[in-house]
PDB file of N, CA and C in Angstrom:
ATOM      1  N   MET A   1     -28.100  23.175 -10.578  1.00  0.00           N
ATOM      2  CA  MET A   1     -26.599  22.771 -10.713  1.00  0.00           C
ATOM      3  C   MET A   1     -26.143  21.258 -11.132  1.00  0.00           C
ATOM      4  N   SER A   2     -25.722  20.717 -12.079  1.00  0.00           N
ATOM      5  CA  SER A   2     -25.319  19.351 -11.863  1.00  0.00           C
ATOM      6  C   SER A   2     -25.435  18.552 -11.061  1.00  0.00           C
ATOM      7  N   GLY A   3     -24.460  19.245 -10.221  1.00  0.00           N
ATOM      8  CA  GLY A   3     -24.035  18.300  -9.200  1.00  0.00           C
ATOM      9  C   GLY A   3     -22.726  17.685  -9.377  1.00  0.00           C
ATOM     10  N   LEU A   4     -22.389  17.769 -10.169  1.00  0.00           N
ATOM     11  CA  LEU A   4     -20.816  17.348 -10.892  1.00  0.00           C
ATOM     12  C   LEU A   4     -19.717  18.396 -10.741  1.00  0.00           C
ATOM     13  N   ARG A   5     -18.216  18.173 -10.101  1.00  0.00           N
ATOM     14  CA  ARG A   5     -17.482  18.945 -10.038  1.00  0.00           C
ATOM     15  C   ARG A   5     -17.067  19.612 -11.010  1.00  0.00           C
ATOM     16  N   LEU A   6     -17.243  19.012 -12.299  1.00  0.00           N
ATOM     17  CA  LEU A   6     -16.567  19.686 -13.497  1.00  0.00           C
ATOM     18  C   LEU A   6     -17.878  20.142 -14.066  1.00  0.00           C
ATOM     19  N   PRO A   7     -17.766  22.081 -14.651  1.00  0.00           N
ATOM     20  CA  PRO A   7     -19.116  22.842 -15.018  1.00  0.00           C
ATOM     21  C   PRO A   7     -18.599  22.118 -16.553  1.00  0.00           C
ATOM     22  N   LYS A   8     -19.594  22.767 -17.265  1.00  0.00           N
ATOM     23  CA  LYS A   8     -19.929  22.401 -18.779  1.00  0.00           C
ATOM     24  C   LYS A   8     -18.724  22.934 -19.500  1.00  0.00           C
ATOM     25  N   LEU A   9     -18.410  22.433 -20.281  1.00  0.00           N
ATOM     26  CA  LEU A   9     -17.092  22.778 -20.821  1.00  0.00           C
ATOM     27  C   LEU A   9     -17.189  24.290 -21.833  1.00  0.00           C
ATOM     28  N   PRO A  10     -16.247  25.054 -21.900  1.00  0.00           N
ATOM     29  CA  PRO A  10     -16.248  26.581 -22.773  1.00  0.00           C
ATOM     30  C   PRO A  10     -15.925  25.670 -24.309  1.00  0.00           C
ATOM     31  N   ASP A  11     -16.079  26.743 -25.226  1.00  0.00           N
ATOM     32  CA  ASP A  11     -15.620  26.779 -26.202  1.00  0.00           C
ATOM     33  C   ASP A  11     -14.220  26.363 -26.423  1.00  0.00           C
ATOM     34  N   ARG A  12     -13.699  25.520 -27.382  1.00  0.00           N
ATOM     35  CA  ARG A  12     -12.065  25.481 -27.033  1.00  0.00           C
ATOM     36  C   ARG A  12     -11.603  24.782 -28.600  1.00  0.00           C
ATOM     37  N   THR A  13     -10.472  25.284 -28.764  1.00  0.00           N
ATOM     38  CA  THR A  13      -9.339  24.630 -29.377  1.00  0.00           C
ATOM     39  C   THR A  13      -8.843  22.889 -29.314  1.00  0.00           C
ATOM     40  N   PRO A  14      -9.121  21.980 -29.806  1.00  0.00           N
ATOM     41  CA  PRO A  14      -8.726  20.882 -28.897  1.00  0.00           C
ATOM     42  C   PRO A  14      -7.012  20.931 -29.530  1.00  0.00           C
ATOM     43  N   VAL A  15      -6.303  19.800 -28.537  1.00  0.00           N
ATOM     44  CA  VAL A  15      -4.995  19.502 -28.606  1.00  0.00           C
ATOM     45  C   VAL A  15      -4.793  18.075 -28.501  1.00  0.00           C
ATOM     46  N   LYS A  16      -4.302  17.822 -29.989  1.00  0.00           N
ATOM     47  CA  LYS A  16      -4.553  16.426 -29.617  1.00  0.00           C
ATOM     48  C   LYS A  16      -2.913  15.547 -28.390  1.00  0.00           C
ATOM     49  N   LEU A  17      -3.268  14.867 -27.483  1.00  0.00           N
ATOM     50  CA  LEU A  17      -2.453  13.976 -26.658  1.00  0.00           C
ATOM     51  C   LEU A  17      -2.712  12.929 -26.642  1.00  0.00           C
ATOM     52  N   THR A  18      -1.824  11.724 -26.986  1.00  0.00           N
ATOM     53  CA  THR A  18      -2.083  10.313 -27.242  1.00  0.00           C
ATOM     54  C   THR A  18      -1.473   9.803 -25.644  1.00  0.00           C
ATOM     55  N   ILE A  19      -2.226   9.388 -25.234  1.00  0.00           N
ATOM     56  CA  ILE A  19      -1.682   8.443 -23.741  1.00  0.00           C
ATOM     57  C   ILE A  19      -2.417   7.109 -23.417  1.00  0.00           C
ATOM     58  N   LEU A  20      -1.958   6.274 -22.779  1.00  0.00           N
ATOM     59  CA  LEU A  20      -2.510   5.153 -22.653  1.00  0.00           C
ATOM     60  C   LEU A  20      -2.600   4.860 -21.181  1.00  0.00           C
ATOM     61  N   LEU A  21      -4.327   4.400 -21.173  1.00  0.00           N
ATOM     62  CA  LEU A  21      -4.782   4.103 -19.800  1.00  0.00           C
ATOM     63  C   LEU A  21      -5.063   2.753 -19.628  1.00  0.00           C
ATOM     64  N   LEU A  22      -5.112   2.539 -18.071  1.00  0.00           N
ATOM     65  CA  LEU A  22      -5.317   0.761 -18.031  1.00  0.00           C
ATOM     66  C   LEU A  22      -7.255   0.615 -18.098  1.00  0.00           C
ATOM     67  N   PRO A  23      -7.321  -0.175 -18.027  1.00  0.00           N
ATOM     68  CA  PRO A  23      -8.684  -0.145 -18.743  1.00  0.00           C
ATOM     69  C   PRO A  23      -9.828   0.021 -17.191  1.00  0.00           C
ATOM     70  N   GLY A  24      -9.745  -0.261 -16.226  1.00  0.00           N
ATOM     71  CA  GLY A  24     -10.520   0.546 -15.157  1.00  0.00           C
ATOM     72  C   GLY A  24     -10.619   2.026 -14.942  1.00  0.00           C
ATOM     73  N   LEU A  25      -9.698   2.670 -15.584  1.00  0.00           N
ATOM     74  CA  LEU A  25      -9.495   4.175 -15.632  1.00  0.00           C
ATOM     75  C   LEU A  25     -10.241   4.518 -17.142  1.00  0.00           C
ATOM     76  N   HIS A  26     -10.073   3.699 -18.145  1.00  0.00           N
ATOM     77  CA  HIS A  26     -11.368   4.345 -19.226  1.00  0.00           C
ATOM     78  C   HIS A  26     -12.413   4.134 -18.674  1.00  0.00           C
ATOM     79  N   GLN A  27     -12.827   2.641 -18.365  1.00  0.00           N
ATOM     80  CA  GLN A  27     -14.130   2.626 -18.125  1.00  0.00           C
ATOM     81  C   GLN A  27     -14.676   3.802 -16.779  1.00  0.00           C
ATOM     82  N   ARG A  28     -14.252   4.063 -16.118  1.00  0.00           N
ATOM     83  CA  ARG A  28     -14.470   5.181 -15.147  1.00  0.00           C
ATOM     84  C   ARG A  28     -14.478   6.520 -16.087  1.00  0.00           C
ATOM     85  N   LEU A  29     -13.633   6.950 -16.663  1.00  0.00           N
ATOM     86  CA  LEU A  29     -14.202   7.973 -17.831  1.00  0.00           C
ATOM     87  C   LEU A  29     -15.307   7.734 -18.136  1.00  0.00           C
ATOM     88  N   ALA A  30     -15.275   6.755 -18.778  1.00  0.00           N
ATOM     89  CA  ALA A  30     -16.600   6.792 -19.619  1.00  0.00           C
ATOM     90  C   ALA A  30     -17.874   6.772 -19.249  1.00  0.00           C
ATOM     91  N   ASP A  31     -17.791   6.299 -17.983  1.00  0.00           N
ATOM     92  CA  ASP A  31     -18.696   6.504 -16.963  1.00  0.00           C
ATOM     93  C   ASP A  31     -19.349   7.618 -16.445  1.00  0.00           C
ATOM     94  N   TYR A  32     -18.217   8.604 -16.163  1.00  0.00           N
ATOM     95  CA  TYR A  32     -18.291  10.062 -16.030  1.00  0.00           C
ATOM     96  C   TYR A  32     -18.821  10.637 -17.190  1.00  0.00           C
ATOM     97  N   ALA A  33     -18.013  10.344 -18.505  1.00  0.00           N
ATOM     98  CA  ALA A  33     -18.818  11.353 -19.294  1.00  0.00           C
ATOM     99  C   ALA A  33     -20.507  11.065 -19.764  1.00  0.00           C
ATOM    100  N   ALA A  34     -21.079   9.536 -19.306  1.00  0.00           N
ATOM    101  CA  ALA A  34     -21.992   9.142 -19.260  1.00  0.00           C
ATOM    102  C   ALA A  34     -22.970  10.198 -18.574  1.00  0.00           C
ATOM    103  N   LYS A  35     -22.593  10.724 -17.282  1.00  0.00           N
ATOM    104  CA  LYS A  35     -23.112  11.285 -16.213  1.00  0.00           C
ATOM    105  C   LYS A  35     -23.365  12.647 -16.926  1.00  0.00           C
ATOM    106  N   TYR A  36     -21.847  12.939 -17.397  1.00  0.00           N
ATOM    107  CA  TYR A  36     -22.103  14.689 -17.711  1.00  0.00           C
ATOM    108  C   TYR A  36     -23.142  14.835 -18.874  1.00  0.00           C
ATOM    109  N   ALA A  37     -23.015  14.009 -20.011  1.00  0.00           N
ATOM    110  CA  ALA A  37     -24.194  14.092 -20.779  1.00  0.00           C
ATOM    111  C   ALA A  37     -25.729  14.126 -20.221  1.00  0.00           C
ATOM    112  N   LYS A  38     -25.621  13.620 -19.198  1.00  0.00           N
ATOM    113  CA  LYS A  38     -27.092  13.392 -18.502  1.00  0.00           C
ATOM    114  C   LYS A  38     -27.432  14.722 -17.783  1.00  0.00           C
ATOM    115  N   ALA A  39     -26.295  15.193 -16.769  1.00  0.00           N
ATOM    116  CA  ALA A  39     -26.301  15.919 -16.517  1.00  0.00           C
ATOM    117  C   ALA A  39     -26.328  17.323 -17.324  1.00  0.00           C
ATOM    118  N   TYR A  40     -25.618  18.087 -18.337  1.00  0.00           N
ATOM    119  CA  TYR A  40     -25.754  18.852 -19.468  1.00  0.00           C
ATOM    120  C   TYR A  40     -26.586  18.756 -20.520  1.00  0.00           C
ATOM    121  N   GLY A  41     -26.841  17.338 -20.865  1.00  0.00           N
ATOM    122  CA  GLY A  41     -27.656  17.403 -21.920  1.00  0.00           C
ATOM    123  C   GLY A  41     -26.967  17.501 -23.644  1.00  0.00           C
ATOM    124  N   VAL A  42     -25.414  17.439 -22.937  1.00  0.00           N
ATOM    125  CA  VAL A  42     -24.575  17.504 -24.256  1.00  0.00           C
ATOM    126  C   VAL A  42     -23.170  16.135 -23.881  1.00  0.00           C
ATOM    127  N   GLU A  43     -23.119  15.280 -25.056  1.00  0.00           N
ATOM    128  CA  GLU A  43     -22.425  14.199 -25.374  1.00  0.00           C
ATOM    129  C   GLU A  43     -20.872  15.010 -25.499  1.00  0.00           C
ATOM    130  N   GLU A  44     -20.335  14.615 -24.765  1.00  0.00           N
ATOM    131  CA  GLU A  44     -18.656  15.065 -25.259  1.00  0.00           C
ATOM    132  C   GLU A  44     -17.934  13.876 -24.814  1.00  0.00           C
ATOM    133  N   PRO A  45     -17.168  13.278 -25.853  1.00  0.00           N
ATOM    134  CA  PRO A  45     -16.308  12.500 -25.616  1.00  0.00           C
ATOM    135  C   PRO A  45     -15.219  12.624 -24.099  1.00  0.00           C
ATOM    136  N   VAL A  46     -14.511  11.533 -23.979  1.00  0.00           N
ATOM    137  CA  VAL A  46     -13.920  11.441 -22.887  1.00  0.00           C
ATOM    138  C   VAL A  46     -12.304  12.323 -23.517  1.00  0.00           C
ATOM    139  N   THR A  47     -12.237  12.300 -24.644  1.00  0.00           N
ATOM    140  CA  THR A  47     -11.065  13.230 -25.308  1.00  0.00           C
ATOM    141  C   THR A  47     -11.370  14.160 -25.070  1.00  0.00           C
ATOM    142  N   GLU A  48     -12.501  14.911 -25.245  1.00  0.00           N
ATOM    143  CA  GLU A  48     -12.749  16.557 -24.654  1.00  0.00           C
ATOM    144  C   GLU A  48     -12.601  16.992 -23.325  1.00  0.00           C
ATOM    145  N   LEU A  49     -13.184  15.930 -22.550  1.00  0.00           N
ATOM    146  CA  LEU A  49     -13.175  15.786 -20.830  1.00  0.00           C
ATOM    147  C   LEU A  49     -11.768  15.696 -20.080  1.00  0.00           C
ATOM    148  N   VAL A  50     -11.650  15.259 -20.738  1.00  0.00           N
ATOM    149  CA  VAL A  50      -9.779  14.842 -19.612  1.00  0.00           C
ATOM    150  C   VAL A  50      -9.115  16.214 -19.410  1.00  0.00           C
ATOM    151  N   PRO A  51      -8.888  16.861 -20.854  1.00  0.00           N
ATOM    152  CA  PRO A  51      -8.061  18.383 -20.585  1.00  0.00           C
ATOM    153  C   PRO A  51      -8.779  18.975 -19.261  1.00  0.00           C
ATOM    154  N   ALA A  52      -9.914  19.469 -19.817  1.00  0.00           N
ATOM    155  CA  ALA A  52     -10.931  19.938 -18.918  1.00  0.00           C
ATOM    156  C   ALA A  52     -10.629  19.163 -17.025  1.00  0.00           C
ATOM    157  N   MET A  53     -10.724  18.494 -16.958  1.00  0.00           N
ATOM    158  CA  MET A  53     -10.757  17.726 -15.787  1.00  0.00           C
ATOM    159  C   MET A  53      -8.907  17.772 -15.447  1.00  0.00           C
ATOM    160  N   LEU A  54      -8.382  17.773 -16.027  1.00  0.00           N
ATOM    161  CA  LEU A  54      -6.732  18.090 -15.665  1.00  0.00           C
ATOM    162  C   LEU A  54      -6.435  18.966 -14.864  1.00  0.00           C
ATOM    163  N   ALA A  55      -6.847  20.079 -16.056  1.00  0.00           N
ATOM    164  CA  ALA A  55      -6.637  21.436 -15.652  1.00  0.00           C
ATOM    165  C   ALA A  55      -7.548  21.625 -14.001  1.00  0.00           C
ATOM    166  N   SER A  56      -8.932  21.440 -13.882  1.00  0.00           N
ATOM    167  CA  SER A  56      -9.391  21.390 -12.731  1.00  0.00           C
ATOM    168  C   SER A  56      -8.694  21.274 -11.791  1.00  0.00           C
ATOM    169  N   PHE A  57      -8.388  20.119 -11.972  1.00  0.00           N
ATOM    170  CA  PHE A  57      -7.345  19.023 -10.857  1.00  0.00           C
ATOM    171  C   PHE A  57      -6.149  20.053 -10.427  1.00  0.00           C
ATOM    172  N   LEU A  58      -5.190  20.587 -11.355  1.00  0.00           N
ATOM    173  CA  LEU A  58      -4.221  21.377 -11.526  1.00  0.00           C
ATOM    174  C   LEU A  58      -4.428  22.675 -10.850  1.00  0.00           C
ATOM    175  N   ASP A  59      -5.848  23.361 -10.901  1.00  0.00           N
ATOM    176  CA  ASP A  59      -5.813  24.837 -10.786  1.00  0.00           C
ATOM    177  C   ASP A  59      -6.612  24.778  -9.149  1.00  0.00           C
ATOM    178  N   ASN A  60      -6.721  23.458  -8.769  1.00  0.00           N
ATOM    179  CA  ASN A  60      -7.493  23.194  -7.208  1.00  0.00           C
ATOM    180  C   ASN A  60      -6.471  22.267  -6.219  1.00  0.00           C
ATOM    181  N   ASP A  61      -5.314  22.138  -6.857  1.00  0.00           N
ATOM    182  CA  ASP A  61      -3.809  21.791  -6.125  1.00  0.00           C
ATOM    183  C   ASP A  61      -2.839  23.143  -5.519  1.00  0.00           C
ATOM    184  N   ARG A  62      -3.623  23.717  -4.257  1.00  0.00           N
ATOM    185  CA  ARG A  62      -2.854  24.395  -3.820  1.00  0.00           C
ATOM    186  C   ARG A  62      -1.325  24.750  -3.252  1.00  0.00           C
ATOM    187  N   HIS A  63      -0.990  23.204  -3.039  1.00  0.00           N
ATOM    188  CA  HIS A  63       0.778  23.065  -3.182  1.00  0.00           C
ATOM    189  C   HIS A  63       1.436  23.768  -4.209  1.00  0.00           C
ATOM    190  N   PHE A  64       0.750  23.204  -5.536  1.00  0.00           N
ATOM    191  CA  PHE A  64       1.234  23.239  -6.535  1.00  0.00           C
ATOM    192  C   PHE A  64       1.285  24.482  -6.767  1.00  0.00           C
ATOM    193  N   MET A  65       0.150  25.155  -6.851  1.00  0.00           N
ATOM    194  CA  MET A  65      -0.025  26.578  -7.548  1.00  0.00           C
ATOM    195  C   MET A  65       1.197  27.834  -6.657  1.00  0.00           C
ATOM    196  N   ARG A  66       1.300  27.183  -5.084  1.00  0.00           N
ATOM    197  CA  ARG A  66       2.250  27.734  -4.580  1.00  0.00           C
ATOM    198  C   ARG A  66       3.799  27.833  -4.935  1.00  0.00           C
ATOM    199  N   ARG A  67       3.980  26.471  -5.262  1.00  0.00           N
ATOM    200  CA  ARG A  67       4.938  26.433  -5.968  1.00  0.00           C
ATOM    201  C   ARG A  67       5.608  26.816  -7.261  1.00  0.00           C
ATOM    202  N   ARG A  68       4.522  26.417  -8.189  1.00  0.00           N
ATOM    203  CA  ARG A  68       4.293  26.985  -9.358  1.00  0.00           C
ATOM    204  C   ARG A  68       4.751  28.559  -9.814  1.00  0.00           C
ATOM    205  N   ALA A  69       3.858  29.176  -8.490  1.00  0.00           N
ATOM    206  CA  ALA A  69       4.393  30.743  -8.267  1.00  0.00           C
ATOM    207  C   ALA A  69       5.505  31.346  -7.697  1.00  0.00           C
ATOM    208  N   ASP A  70       6.412  30.064  -7.222  1.00  0.00           N
ATOM    209  CA  ASP A  70       8.111  30.674  -6.943  1.00  0.00           C
ATOM    210  C   ASP A  70       8.876  30.630  -7.857  1.00  0.00           C
TER     211      ASP A  70
END
């Protein structure tokens, strides 16, 4: 295993979303993308990793998942 919390991304059809990021967050995402590339041998742009990171975050938020089911 790679040791990263985010598994290798499956094949997907991208959906475009435009957001603004603070420079520090952008740098941390770029650093994560570099670690991802080293771990999996596949370079994925930050724009491809962010949706999977958000999905993982929401899927692991128990409070959100309980409230969503209500």
